[in-house]
């Protein structure tokens, strides 16, 4: 079963680390961290550090996340889509994918 999560990026996501919604990655206990590999639409693999702070419930991505942001020239308002397949073996390296949907608006405030 594939699960998909979509998020519109804000300033915190772009500058400090991607903050995901509560329980978007089920069974990831607070106070723990893992290094998860994500394959983008170009086939490149990125290793994001996923951490839930003690007492927290919202996973935060760092590590290669910042390289990913720069490489993809992500800005506030861009949207990312993360998908993972629960049927795949837990040891599978490529169970996560990430896709970027750039905003096309040229209007700036």
C-alpha atoms as a PDB file:
ATOM      1  CA  UNK A   1       0.000   0.000   0.000  1.00  0.00           C
ATOM      2  CA  UNK A   2       1.525   3.292  -1.074  1.00  0.00           C
ATOM      3  CA  UNK A   3       1.018   6.320   1.127  1.00  0.00           C
ATOM      4  CA  UNK A   4       1.499   9.834  -0.235  1.00  0.00           C
ATOM      5  CA  UNK A   5       2.085  13.047   1.696  1.00  0.00           C
ATOM      6  CA  UNK A   6       2.032  16.495   0.084  1.00  0.00           C
ATOM      7  CA  UNK A   7       3.267  19.729   1.635  1.00  0.00           C
ATOM      8  CA  UNK A   8       3.488  23.343   0.519  1.00  0.00           C
ATOM      9  CA  UNK A   9       6.849  24.618   1.716  1.00  0.00           C
ATOM     10  CA  UNK A  10       7.108  27.508   4.150  1.00  0.00           C
ATOM     11  CA  UNK A  11      10.120  29.562   5.260  1.00  0.00           C
ATOM     12  CA  UNK A  12      10.970  27.144   8.094  1.00  0.00           C
ATOM     13  CA  UNK A  13      10.971  24.169   5.697  1.00  0.00           C
ATOM     14  CA  UNK A  14      13.324  25.905   3.276  1.00  0.00           C
ATOM     15  CA  UNK A  15      15.727  27.450   5.807  1.00  0.00           C
ATOM     16  CA  UNK A  16      15.691  25.237   8.925  1.00  0.00           C
ATOM     17  CA  UNK A  17      14.480  21.767   7.888  1.00  0.00           C
ATOM     18  CA  UNK A  18      11.340  20.148   6.540  1.00  0.00           C
ATOM     19  CA  UNK A  19       8.762  19.858   9.320  1.00  0.00           C
ATOM     20  CA  UNK A  20       6.185  17.191   8.559  1.00  0.00           C
ATOM     21  CA  UNK A  21       2.702  16.825   9.992  1.00  0.00           C
ATOM     22  CA  UNK A  22       2.065  14.679  13.035  1.00  0.00           C
ATOM     23  CA  UNK A  23       2.126  10.954  12.399  1.00  0.00           C
ATOM     24  CA  UNK A  24       2.803  11.227   8.657  1.00  0.00           C
ATOM     25  CA  UNK A  25       5.368   8.499   9.194  1.00  0.00           C
ATOM     26  CA  UNK A  26       3.556   6.088  11.482  1.00  0.00           C
ATOM     27  CA  UNK A  27       5.385   4.140  14.136  1.00  0.00           C
ATOM     28  CA  UNK A  28       8.304   6.547  14.251  1.00  0.00           C
ATOM     29  CA  UNK A  29       8.763   7.067  18.000  1.00  0.00           C
ATOM     30  CA  UNK A  30       9.626  10.415  19.546  1.00  0.00           C
ATOM     31  CA  UNK A  31      13.212  10.904  20.601  1.00  0.00           C
ATOM     32  CA  UNK A  32      14.485   8.799  17.717  1.00  0.00           C
ATOM     33  CA  UNK A  33      16.144   9.482  14.410  1.00  0.00           C
ATOM     34  CA  UNK A  34      16.838   7.592  11.234  1.00  0.00           C
ATOM     35  CA  UNK A  35      18.544   8.230   7.922  1.00  0.00           C
ATOM     36  CA  UNK A  36      16.045   7.626   5.132  1.00  0.00           C
ATOM     37  CA  UNK A  37      16.860   7.462   1.443  1.00  0.00           C
ATOM     38  CA  UNK A  38      14.596   9.191  -1.040  1.00  0.00           C
ATOM     39  CA  UNK A  39      14.728   8.861  -4.804  1.00  0.00           C
ATOM     40  CA  UNK A  40      13.745  11.984  -6.748  1.00  0.00           C
ATOM     41  CA  UNK A  41      12.124  12.201 -10.179  1.00  0.00           C
ATOM     42  CA  UNK A  42      15.591  12.364 -11.792  1.00  0.00           C
ATOM     43  CA  UNK A  43      16.658   9.101 -10.142  1.00  0.00           C
ATOM     44  CA  UNK A  44      19.060  10.780  -7.696  1.00  0.00           C
ATOM     45  CA  UNK A  45      19.089   9.400  -4.159  1.00  0.00           C
ATOM     46  CA  UNK A  46      19.098  11.797  -1.190  1.00  0.00           C
ATOM     47  CA  UNK A  47      19.647  10.815   2.439  1.00  0.00           C
ATOM     48  CA  UNK A  48      17.488  12.836   4.802  1.00  0.00           C
ATOM     49  CA  UNK A  49      17.960  12.713   8.546  1.00  0.00           C
ATOM     50  CA  UNK A  50      14.489  12.195  10.009  1.00  0.00           C
ATOM     51  CA  UNK A  51      14.204  13.067  13.674  1.00  0.00           C
ATOM     52  CA  UNK A  52      11.354  13.364  16.150  1.00  0.00           C
ATOM     53  CA  UNK A  53      12.397  15.390  19.179  1.00  0.00           C
ATOM     54  CA  UNK A  54      11.763  13.908  22.642  1.00  0.00           C
ATOM     55  CA  UNK A  55       8.155  14.548  23.586  1.00  0.00           C
ATOM     56  CA  UNK A  56       7.383  15.595  20.012  1.00  0.00           C
ATOM     57  CA  UNK A  57       5.285  14.006  17.311  1.00  0.00           C
ATOM     58  CA  UNK A  58       6.360  15.918  14.198  1.00  0.00           C
ATOM     59  CA  UNK A  59       9.228  14.470  12.173  1.00  0.00           C
ATOM     60  CA  UNK A  60      11.813  16.940  10.874  1.00  0.00           C
ATOM     61  CA  UNK A  61      14.115  16.307   7.908  1.00  0.00           C
ATOM     62  CA  UNK A  62      17.653  17.671   7.755  1.00  0.00           C
ATOM     63  CA  UNK A  63      20.911  16.229   6.392  1.00  0.00           C
ATOM     64  CA  UNK A  64      20.752  16.142   2.578  1.00  0.00           C
ATOM     65  CA  UNK A  65      17.473  18.074   2.800  1.00  0.00           C
ATOM     66  CA  UNK A  66      19.439  21.335   2.562  1.00  0.00           C
ATOM     67  CA  UNK A  67      21.388  20.095  -0.483  1.00  0.00           C
ATOM     68  CA  UNK A  68      18.082  19.018  -2.018  1.00  0.00           C
ATOM     69  CA  UNK A  69      16.571  22.483  -1.425  1.00  0.00           C
ATOM     70  CA  UNK A  70      19.545  24.199  -3.096  1.00  0.00           C
ATOM     71  CA  UNK A  71      19.789  21.688  -5.944  1.00  0.00           C
ATOM     72  CA  UNK A  72      16.096  21.985  -6.794  1.00  0.00           C
ATOM     73  CA  UNK A  73      16.085  25.742  -6.104  1.00  0.00           C
ATOM     74  CA  UNK A  74      13.106  25.315  -3.808  1.00  0.00           C
ATOM     75  CA  UNK A  75      11.293  28.394  -2.571  1.00  0.00           C
ATOM     76  CA  UNK A  76       8.463  29.155  -0.188  1.00  0.00           C
ATOM     77  CA  UNK A  77       5.230  28.069  -1.870  1.00  0.00           C
ATOM     78  CA  UNK A  78       6.731  25.176  -3.831  1.00  0.00           C
ATOM     79  CA  UNK A  79       5.111  21.815  -3.119  1.00  0.00           C
ATOM     80  CA  UNK A  80       6.774  18.490  -2.429  1.00  0.00           C
ATOM     81  CA  UNK A  81       5.170  15.090  -2.621  1.00  0.00           C
ATOM     82  CA  UNK A  82       6.615  12.235  -0.584  1.00  0.00           C
ATOM     83  CA  UNK A  83       5.490   8.673  -1.208  1.00  0.00           C
ATOM     84  CA  UNK A  84       6.393   5.427   0.451  1.00  0.00           C
ATOM     85  CA  UNK A  85       5.278   1.887  -0.106  1.00  0.00           C
ATOM     86  CA  UNK A  86       4.447  -0.077   3.024  1.00  0.00           C
ATOM     87  CA  UNK A  87       4.479  -3.389   1.133  1.00  0.00           C
ATOM     88  CA  UNK A  88       8.192  -3.191   0.432  1.00  0.00           C
ATOM     89  CA  UNK A  89      10.660  -4.872   2.704  1.00  0.00           C
ATOM     90  CA  UNK A  90      11.707  -2.594   5.569  1.00  0.00           C
ATOM     91  CA  UNK A  91      15.316  -3.130   4.507  1.00  0.00           C
ATOM     92  CA  UNK A  92      14.574  -1.875   0.994  1.00  0.00           C
ATOM     93  CA  UNK A  93      16.691   1.154   0.212  1.00  0.00           C
ATOM     94  CA  UNK A  94      14.388   2.763  -2.346  1.00  0.00           C
ATOM     95  CA  UNK A  95      11.033   2.632  -0.598  1.00  0.00           C
ATOM     96  CA  UNK A  96      10.707   6.455  -0.454  1.00  0.00           C
ATOM     97  CA  UNK A  97      10.286   8.861  -3.358  1.00  0.00           C
ATOM     98  CA  UNK A  98      10.138  12.649  -3.449  1.00  0.00           C
ATOM     99  CA  UNK A  99       8.725  14.860  -6.196  1.00  0.00           C
ATOM    100  CA  UNK A 100       8.852  18.644  -6.562  1.00  0.00           C
ATOM    101  CA  UNK A 101       6.041  20.794  -7.933  1.00  0.00           C
ATOM    102  CA  UNK A 102       7.326  24.334  -8.457  1.00  0.00           C
ATOM    103  CA  UNK A 103       5.006  27.295  -8.097  1.00  0.00           C
ATOM    104  CA  UNK A 104       4.493  29.081 -11.395  1.00  0.00           C
ATOM    105  CA  UNK A 105       3.295  32.390 -10.029  1.00  0.00           C
ATOM    106  CA  UNK A 106       5.401  35.372 -11.033  1.00  0.00           C
ATOM    107  CA  UNK A 107       3.583  37.778  -8.716  1.00  0.00           C
ATOM    108  CA  UNK A 108       5.570  38.859  -5.672  1.00  0.00           C
ATOM    109  CA  UNK A 109       4.309  40.800  -2.677  1.00  0.00           C
END
